[in-house]
Amino acid sequence: MILSENSELVLKLGSGLFWTLTYLIIIRRGFIDKSYGMPLAALSANISWEAIFLLCETP
């Protein structure tokens, strides 16, 4: 199924917004607990995932 340009834009903006909110909550919780908010393995996997799609995905 192919999404319209508007639907795709809304999904991308919503995804970016909610991931940003998630990271802010993780950082806040880390300060409250005085500990790491996210396991290092999960953070590494997420950063590599983002790098793959940034550098390898064709527009």
Protein backbone atom coordinates (compact mmCIF):
# COMPACT_ATOMS: atom_id res chain seq x y z
CA MET A 1 0.00 0.00 0.00
CA ILE A 2 1.34 3.39 -0.95
CA LEU A 3 0.64 6.31 1.37
CA SER A 4 -0.12 9.78 0.14
CA GLU A 5 2.55 12.42 0.64
CA ASN A 6 0.55 14.06 3.44
CA SER A 7 0.07 10.76 5.30
CA GLU A 8 3.76 9.95 5.00
CA LEU A 9 4.70 13.40 6.30
CA VAL A 10 2.35 13.11 9.28
CA LEU A 11 3.75 9.67 10.15
CA LYS A 12 7.35 10.86 9.91
CA LEU A 13 6.71 13.97 12.01
CA GLY A 14 4.74 11.98 14.57
CA SER A 15 7.45 9.35 14.79
CA GLY A 16 10.15 11.97 15.27
CA LEU A 17 8.12 13.80 17.89
CA PHE A 18 7.38 10.69 19.92
CA TRP A 19 10.98 9.41 19.76
CA THR A 20 12.21 12.81 20.95
CA LEU A 21 9.70 12.72 23.79
CA THR A 22 10.83 9.19 24.67
CA TYR A 23 14.48 10.25 24.87
CA LEU A 24 13.60 13.25 27.02
CA ILE A 25 11.68 11.03 29.43
CA ILE A 26 14.60 8.56 29.56
CA ILE A 27 17.03 11.39 30.33
CA ARG A 28 14.71 12.80 33.01
CA ARG A 29 14.32 9.38 34.63
CA GLY A 30 18.08 8.93 34.59
CA PHE A 31 18.55 12.17 36.53
CA ILE A 32 15.83 11.22 39.02
CA ASP A 33 17.30 7.75 39.63
CA LYS A 34 20.92 8.98 39.41
CA SER A 35 21.55 6.07 37.09
CA TYR A 36 21.53 5.29 33.40
CA GLY A 37 18.10 5.63 31.85
CA MET A 38 18.77 3.27 28.96
CA PRO A 39 20.98 0.17 28.70
CA LEU A 40 24.17 0.72 26.69
CA ALA A 41 23.39 -2.19 24.34
CA ALA A 42 19.97 -0.71 23.50
CA LEU A 43 21.47 2.74 22.95
CA SER A 44 24.17 1.32 20.67
CA ALA A 45 21.62 -0.66 18.66
CA ASN A 46 19.42 2.41 18.27
CA ILE A 47 22.29 4.64 17.13
CA SER A 48 23.46 2.04 14.60
CA TRP A 49 19.88 1.63 13.34
CA GLU A 50 19.58 5.39 12.81
CA ALA A 51 22.98 5.54 11.07
CA ILE A 52 22.01 2.73 8.69
CA PHE A 53 18.82 4.49 7.64
CA LEU A 54 20.55 7.87 7.44
CA LEU A 55 23.36 6.65 5.22
CA CYS A 56 21.92 3.68 3.32
CA GLU A 57 18.26 4.33 2.62
CA THR A 58 17.55 5.81 -0.77
CA PRO A 59 15.04 8.65 -0.99
